[in-house]
Amino acid sequence: MENQVDNTMENIQQEKKDIAEDMREMRNKIEMRMTKVEAQLSDPELDAETRAKFEQEKTELKQQMDRVDGNLSEVERATKETWNDVKASSEKAADETENWFQRQKELIDQKTEVDNDNDGH
């Protein structure tokens, strides 16, 4: 019985480590995009409409980053008792954030009429 508890704890620790690593990678992805958006916003010749679009994207990126940070914190604080709930909410948040990135790529493809992500549309 004690061995089973040890194995469960090891599994939880490994899952926590894996999910935390995935969330840190996602956060880095958001930070890289934020850097690009901020660089675009620093262009003094940017027209008002384009500036507004970049400001909106910056706001959305900040929201996504806050969400990832919150979930990462929950993962790191999770106990054996709370792990299943934290794991489920973190996986959902990660999926939703990844879907948000996909939608952004599709919007760029539509606006530029170029299939930058090579997905056929």
N, C-alpha and C. Protein backbone atom coordinates (compact mmCIF):
# COMPACT_ATOMS: atom_id res chain seq x y z
N MET A 1 0.83 -1.20 0.00
CA MET A 1 0.00 0.00 0.00
C MET A 1 0.87 1.26 0.00
N GLU A 2 1.90 1.26 0.81
CA GLU A 2 2.80 2.41 0.89
C GLU A 2 3.48 2.65 -0.46
N ASN A 3 3.83 1.57 -1.14
CA ASN A 3 4.47 1.67 -2.46
C ASN A 3 3.52 2.31 -3.46
N GLN A 4 2.23 1.98 -3.37
CA GLN A 4 1.23 2.55 -4.25
C GLN A 4 1.10 4.07 -4.04
N VAL A 5 1.14 4.50 -2.79
CA VAL A 5 1.08 5.93 -2.47
C VAL A 5 2.31 6.63 -3.02
N ASP A 6 3.48 6.02 -2.86
CA ASP A 6 4.72 6.60 -3.39
C ASP A 6 4.64 6.75 -4.91
N ASN A 7 4.13 5.73 -5.59
CA ASN A 7 4.01 5.78 -7.05
C ASN A 7 3.04 6.87 -7.48
N THR A 8 1.93 7.01 -6.75
CA THR A 8 0.96 8.05 -7.05
C THR A 8 1.59 9.42 -6.90
N MET A 9 2.33 9.63 -5.84
CA MET A 9 2.99 10.92 -5.62
C MET A 9 4.02 11.20 -6.71
N GLU A 10 4.77 10.18 -7.10
CA GLU A 10 5.75 10.35 -8.18
C GLU A 10 5.05 10.72 -9.48
N ASN A 11 3.93 10.06 -9.77
CA ASN A 11 3.18 10.36 -10.99
C ASN A 11 2.67 11.79 -10.97
N ILE A 12 2.14 12.21 -9.83
CA ILE A 12 1.63 13.58 -9.71
C ILE A 12 2.78 14.57 -9.90
N GLN A 13 3.91 14.31 -9.28
CA GLN A 13 5.05 15.22 -9.41
C GLN A 13 5.51 15.32 -10.86
N GLN A 14 5.53 14.19 -11.56
CA GLN A 14 5.94 14.20 -12.97
C GLN A 14 4.92 14.96 -13.82
N GLU A 15 3.64 14.73 -13.57
CA GLU A 15 2.60 15.45 -14.31
C GLU A 15 2.70 16.95 -14.06
N LYS A 16 2.90 17.32 -12.81
CA LYS A 16 3.05 18.74 -12.48
C LYS A 16 4.22 19.34 -13.23
N LYS A 17 5.33 18.61 -13.23
CA LYS A 17 6.54 19.09 -13.92
C LYS A 17 6.28 19.27 -15.42
N ASP A 18 5.63 18.28 -16.03
CA ASP A 18 5.35 18.34 -17.46
C ASP A 18 4.41 19.48 -17.82
N ILE A 19 3.34 19.62 -17.05
CA ILE A 19 2.37 20.69 -17.34
C ILE A 19 3.00 22.06 -17.10
N ALA A 20 3.78 22.19 -16.03
CA ALA A 20 4.45 23.47 -15.75
C ALA A 20 5.40 23.82 -16.89
N GLU A 21 6.11 22.83 -17.40
CA GLU A 21 7.04 23.08 -18.51
C GLU A 21 6.27 23.54 -19.76
N ASP A 22 5.16 22.87 -20.05
CA ASP A 22 4.33 23.26 -21.20
C ASP A 22 3.82 24.69 -21.04
N MET A 23 3.41 25.04 -19.83
CA MET A 23 2.88 26.38 -19.59
C MET A 23 3.99 27.43 -19.71
N ARG A 24 5.18 27.10 -19.26
CA ARG A 24 6.30 28.04 -19.41
C ARG A 24 6.64 28.26 -20.89
N GLU A 25 6.57 27.19 -21.68
CA GLU A 25 6.80 27.31 -23.12
C GLU A 25 5.73 28.20 -23.76
N MET A 26 4.48 28.01 -23.34
CA MET A 26 3.40 28.83 -23.86
C MET A 26 3.60 30.29 -23.47
N ARG A 27 4.03 30.52 -22.24
CA ARG A 27 4.29 31.88 -21.78
C ARG A 27 5.39 32.53 -22.60
N ASN A 28 6.44 31.76 -22.90
CA ASN A 28 7.53 32.27 -23.74
C ASN A 28 7.01 32.63 -25.13
N LYS A 29 6.13 31.80 -25.66
CA LYS A 29 5.53 32.07 -26.97
C LYS A 29 4.75 33.39 -26.94
N ILE A 30 4.00 33.59 -25.87
CA ILE A 30 3.23 34.83 -25.71
C ILE A 30 4.18 36.02 -25.59
N GLU A 31 5.23 35.86 -24.81
CA GLU A 31 6.21 36.96 -24.64
C GLU A 31 6.87 37.32 -25.96
N MET A 32 7.21 36.32 -26.77
CA MET A 32 7.82 36.60 -28.07
C MET A 32 6.88 37.40 -28.96
N ARG A 33 5.60 37.01 -28.97
CA ARG A 33 4.62 37.74 -29.78
C ARG A 33 4.42 39.15 -29.23
N MET A 34 4.40 39.27 -27.90
CA MET A 34 4.25 40.58 -27.27
C MET A 34 5.40 41.50 -27.70
N THR A 35 6.60 40.97 -27.73
CA THR A 35 7.76 41.75 -28.15
C THR A 35 7.59 42.26 -29.58
N LYS A 36 7.08 41.39 -30.46
CA LYS A 36 6.85 41.79 -31.85
C LYS A 36 5.78 42.88 -31.94
N VAL A 37 4.71 42.73 -31.18
CA VAL A 37 3.63 43.71 -31.20
C VAL A 37 4.13 45.05 -30.67
N GLU A 38 4.87 45.02 -29.59
CA GLU A 38 5.41 46.27 -29.03
C GLU A 38 6.37 46.94 -30.00
N ALA A 39 7.12 46.15 -30.75
CA ALA A 39 8.01 46.73 -31.77
C ALA A 39 7.19 47.41 -32.86
N GLN A 40 6.09 46.77 -33.26
CA GLN A 40 5.22 47.38 -34.27
C GLN A 40 4.62 48.68 -33.75
N LEU A 41 4.23 48.67 -32.47
CA LEU A 41 3.62 49.86 -31.88
C LEU A 41 4.61 51.02 -31.74
N SER A 42 5.89 50.73 -31.74
CA SER A 42 6.88 51.79 -31.60
C SER A 42 7.11 52.55 -32.91
N ASP A 43 6.53 52.07 -33.99
CA ASP A 43 6.66 52.73 -35.28
C ASP A 43 5.87 54.04 -35.27
N PRO A 44 6.54 55.18 -35.38
CA PRO A 44 5.83 56.46 -35.32
C PRO A 44 4.94 56.72 -36.54
N GLU A 45 5.14 55.99 -37.61
CA GLU A 45 4.35 56.20 -38.82
C GLU A 45 3.15 55.27 -38.92
N LEU A 46 2.88 54.54 -37.87
CA LEU A 46 1.76 53.61 -37.85
C LEU A 46 0.44 54.38 -37.89
N ASP A 47 -0.45 54.00 -38.81
CA ASP A 47 -1.73 54.70 -38.88
C ASP A 47 -2.61 54.29 -37.70
N ALA A 48 -3.62 55.09 -37.43
CA ALA A 48 -4.46 54.92 -36.24
C ALA A 48 -5.18 53.57 -36.23
N GLU A 49 -5.67 53.15 -37.36
CA GLU A 49 -6.40 51.88 -37.42
C GLU A 49 -5.48 50.70 -37.10
N THR A 50 -4.31 50.69 -37.69
CA THR A 50 -3.34 49.62 -37.44
C THR A 50 -2.86 49.66 -36.00
N ARG A 51 -2.63 50.85 -35.49
CA ARG A 51 -2.21 51.01 -34.10
C ARG A 51 -3.27 50.43 -33.15
N ALA A 52 -4.53 50.71 -33.44
CA ALA A 52 -5.62 50.20 -32.60
C ALA A 52 -5.65 48.67 -32.63
N LYS A 53 -5.41 48.09 -33.79
CA LYS A 53 -5.40 46.63 -33.90
C LYS A 53 -4.25 46.04 -33.07
N PHE A 54 -3.08 46.66 -33.15
CA PHE A 54 -1.95 46.17 -32.36
C PHE A 54 -2.19 46.37 -30.86
N GLU A 55 -2.82 47.46 -30.49
CA GLU A 55 -3.15 47.70 -29.08
C GLU A 55 -4.12 46.63 -28.58
N GLN A 56 -5.10 46.29 -29.41
CA GLN A 56 -6.06 45.24 -29.05
C GLN A 56 -5.33 43.90 -28.88
N GLU A 57 -4.45 43.59 -29.80
CA GLU A 57 -3.70 42.33 -29.70
C GLU A 57 -2.83 42.32 -28.45
N LYS A 58 -2.22 43.46 -28.14
CA LYS A 58 -1.39 43.56 -26.94
C LYS A 58 -2.23 43.28 -25.69
N THR A 59 -3.43 43.84 -25.65
CA THR A 59 -4.34 43.61 -24.52
C THR A 59 -4.69 42.13 -24.42
N GLU A 60 -5.01 41.52 -25.55
CA GLU A 60 -5.35 40.09 -25.54
C GLU A 60 -4.15 39.23 -25.13
N LEU A 61 -2.96 39.59 -25.59
CA LEU A 61 -1.76 38.86 -25.19
C LEU A 61 -1.53 38.96 -23.69
N LYS A 62 -1.75 40.15 -23.14
CA LYS A 62 -1.60 40.34 -21.70
C LYS A 62 -2.59 39.47 -20.94
N GLN A 63 -3.82 39.40 -21.42
CA GLN A 63 -4.83 38.56 -20.78
C GLN A 63 -4.43 37.08 -20.83
N GLN A 64 -3.93 36.65 -21.98
CA GLN A 64 -3.48 35.26 -22.11
C GLN A 64 -2.30 34.98 -21.17
N MET A 65 -1.38 35.93 -21.08
CA MET A 65 -0.23 35.76 -20.21
C MET A 65 -0.66 35.67 -18.75
N ASP A 66 -1.57 36.54 -18.35
CA ASP A 66 -2.08 36.50 -16.98
C ASP A 66 -2.75 35.16 -16.69
N ARG A 67 -3.48 34.67 -17.65
CA ARG A 67 -4.15 33.37 -17.48
C ARG A 67 -3.14 32.25 -17.32
N VAL A 68 -2.13 32.23 -18.17
CA VAL A 68 -1.09 31.20 -18.07
C VAL A 68 -0.35 31.32 -16.74
N ASP A 69 -0.02 32.54 -16.35
CA ASP A 69 0.66 32.74 -15.06
C ASP A 69 -0.17 32.22 -13.89
N GLY A 70 -1.47 32.50 -13.93
CA GLY A 70 -2.36 32.04 -12.87
C GLY A 70 -2.42 30.52 -12.81
N ASN A 71 -2.54 29.90 -13.97
CA ASN A 71 -2.59 28.44 -14.00
C ASN A 71 -1.25 27.82 -13.60
N LEU A 72 -0.17 28.44 -14.00
CA LEU A 72 1.14 27.93 -13.61
C LEU A 72 1.29 27.98 -12.09
N SER A 73 0.84 29.05 -11.50
CA SER A 73 0.89 29.18 -10.05
C SER A 73 0.05 28.09 -9.38
N GLU A 74 -1.13 27.83 -9.93
CA GLU A 74 -2.00 26.78 -9.38
C GLU A 74 -1.33 25.41 -9.48
N VAL A 75 -0.68 25.15 -10.61
CA VAL A 75 0.01 23.87 -10.80
C VAL A 75 1.11 23.71 -9.75
N GLU A 76 1.88 24.75 -9.56
CA GLU A 76 2.99 24.68 -8.62
C GLU A 76 2.51 24.50 -7.18
N ARG A 77 1.33 25.04 -6.83
CA ARG A 77 0.80 24.95 -5.46
C ARG A 77 -0.08 23.73 -5.24
N ALA A 78 -0.41 23.01 -6.29
CA ALA A 78 -1.36 21.91 -6.18
C ALA A 78 -0.86 20.83 -5.21
N THR A 79 -1.81 20.29 -4.48
CA THR A 79 -1.53 19.19 -3.57
C THR A 79 -2.13 17.92 -4.18
N LYS A 80 -1.85 16.81 -3.55
CA LYS A 80 -2.41 15.54 -4.01
C LYS A 80 -3.94 15.61 -4.07
N GLU A 81 -4.52 16.28 -3.10
CA GLU A 81 -5.97 16.38 -3.02
C GLU A 81 -6.56 17.28 -4.10
N THR A 82 -5.85 18.30 -4.50
CA THR A 82 -6.39 19.25 -5.49
C THR A 82 -5.89 18.99 -6.90
N TRP A 83 -4.97 18.06 -7.06
CA TRP A 83 -4.28 17.88 -8.33
C TRP A 83 -5.23 17.62 -9.50
N ASN A 84 -6.20 16.73 -9.35
CA ASN A 84 -7.06 16.39 -10.48
C ASN A 84 -7.81 17.61 -11.01
N ASP A 85 -8.33 18.45 -10.12
CA ASP A 85 -9.03 19.67 -10.54
C ASP A 85 -8.07 20.66 -11.20
N VAL A 86 -6.90 20.84 -10.61
CA VAL A 86 -5.91 21.77 -11.15
C VAL A 86 -5.43 21.29 -12.52
N LYS A 87 -5.18 20.01 -12.62
CA LYS A 87 -4.72 19.44 -13.90
C LYS A 87 -5.76 19.69 -14.99
N ALA A 88 -7.02 19.42 -14.69
CA ALA A 88 -8.09 19.61 -15.68
C ALA A 88 -8.21 21.07 -16.10
N SER A 89 -8.18 21.99 -15.14
CA SER A 89 -8.33 23.41 -15.48
C SER A 89 -7.11 23.92 -16.24
N SER A 90 -5.93 23.42 -15.90
CA SER A 90 -4.71 23.84 -16.59
C SER A 90 -4.68 23.33 -18.02
N GLU A 91 -5.09 22.09 -18.22
CA GLU A 91 -5.13 21.55 -19.58
C GLU A 91 -6.15 22.31 -20.42
N LYS A 92 -7.29 22.65 -19.82
CA LYS A 92 -8.31 23.42 -20.55
C LYS A 92 -7.76 24.80 -20.92
N ALA A 93 -7.12 25.47 -19.98
CA ALA A 93 -6.55 26.79 -20.25
C ALA A 93 -5.49 26.73 -21.34
N ALA A 94 -4.65 25.70 -21.29
CA ALA A 94 -3.61 25.55 -22.31
C ALA A 94 -4.23 25.34 -23.68
N ASP A 95 -5.25 24.49 -23.76
CA ASP A 95 -5.93 24.25 -25.04
C ASP A 95 -6.57 25.53 -25.56
N GLU A 96 -7.23 26.26 -24.69
CA GLU A 96 -7.89 27.50 -25.12
C GLU A 96 -6.88 28.55 -25.57
N THR A 97 -5.75 28.63 -24.88
CA THR A 97 -4.72 29.59 -25.28
C THR A 97 -4.12 29.19 -26.63
N GLU A 98 -3.87 27.91 -26.81
CA GLU A 98 -3.33 27.43 -28.09
C GLU A 98 -4.33 27.68 -29.21
N ASN A 99 -5.61 27.46 -28.94
CA ASN A 99 -6.65 27.75 -29.94
C ASN A 99 -6.69 29.24 -30.27
N TRP A 100 -6.48 30.10 -29.27
CA TRP A 100 -6.45 31.54 -29.51
C TRP A 100 -5.31 31.87 -30.47
N PHE A 101 -4.14 31.27 -30.25
CA PHE A 101 -3.01 31.51 -31.16
C PHE A 101 -3.35 31.06 -32.58
N GLN A 102 -4.00 29.91 -32.72
CA GLN A 102 -4.38 29.42 -34.04
C GLN A 102 -5.32 30.40 -34.73
N ARG A 103 -6.30 30.92 -33.98
CA ARG A 103 -7.24 31.89 -34.55
C ARG A 103 -6.50 33.15 -35.01
N GLN A 104 -5.51 33.58 -34.25
CA GLN A 104 -4.74 34.76 -34.63
C GLN A 104 -3.99 34.51 -35.94
N LYS A 105 -3.41 33.32 -36.08
CA LYS A 105 -2.71 32.97 -37.31
C LYS A 105 -3.67 32.98 -38.50
N GLU A 106 -4.86 32.44 -38.30
CA GLU A 106 -5.85 32.41 -39.38
C GLU A 106 -6.27 33.83 -39.77
N LEU A 107 -6.44 34.70 -38.79
CA LEU A 107 -6.80 36.09 -39.08
C LEU A 107 -5.71 36.77 -39.91
N ILE A 108 -4.47 36.50 -39.57
CA ILE A 108 -3.35 37.08 -40.34
C ILE A 108 -3.36 36.55 -41.76
N ASP A 109 -3.56 35.22 -41.90
CA ASP A 109 -3.63 34.63 -43.24
C ASP A 109 -4.74 35.28 -44.06
N GLN A 110 -5.92 35.48 -43.46
CA GLN A 110 -7.05 36.06 -44.17
C GLN A 110 -6.77 37.50 -44.58
N LYS A 111 -6.15 38.25 -43.69
CA LYS A 111 -5.89 39.66 -43.99
C LYS A 111 -4.82 39.83 -45.06
N THR A 112 -3.86 38.93 -45.08
CA THR A 112 -2.76 39.07 -46.03
C THR A 112 -2.93 38.19 -47.26
N GLU A 113 -3.97 37.33 -47.22
CA GLU A 113 -4.22 36.38 -48.30
C GLU A 113 -3.01 35.49 -48.55
N VAL A 114 -2.25 35.21 -47.50
CA VAL A 114 -1.08 34.34 -47.57
C VAL A 114 -1.27 33.25 -46.51
N ASP A 115 -0.98 32.02 -46.89
CA ASP A 115 -1.12 30.90 -45.96
C ASP A 115 0.21 30.70 -45.24
N ASN A 116 0.51 31.60 -44.28
CA ASN A 116 1.78 31.55 -43.58
C ASN A 116 1.98 30.28 -42.76
N ASP A 117 0.90 29.72 -42.25
CA ASP A 117 1.05 28.53 -41.42
C ASP A 117 0.86 27.23 -42.24
N ASN A 118 0.73 27.38 -43.56
CA ASN A 118 0.65 26.25 -44.48
C ASN A 118 -0.39 25.21 -44.10
N ASP A 119 -1.55 25.67 -43.66
CA ASP A 119 -2.60 24.75 -43.26
C ASP A 119 -3.70 24.64 -44.32
N GLY A 120 -3.50 25.27 -45.47
CA GLY A 120 -4.46 25.16 -46.56
C GLY A 120 -5.53 26.23 -46.61
N HIS A 121 -5.55 27.13 -45.61
CA HIS A 121 -6.54 28.23 -45.63
C HIS A 121 -6.00 29.42 -44.89
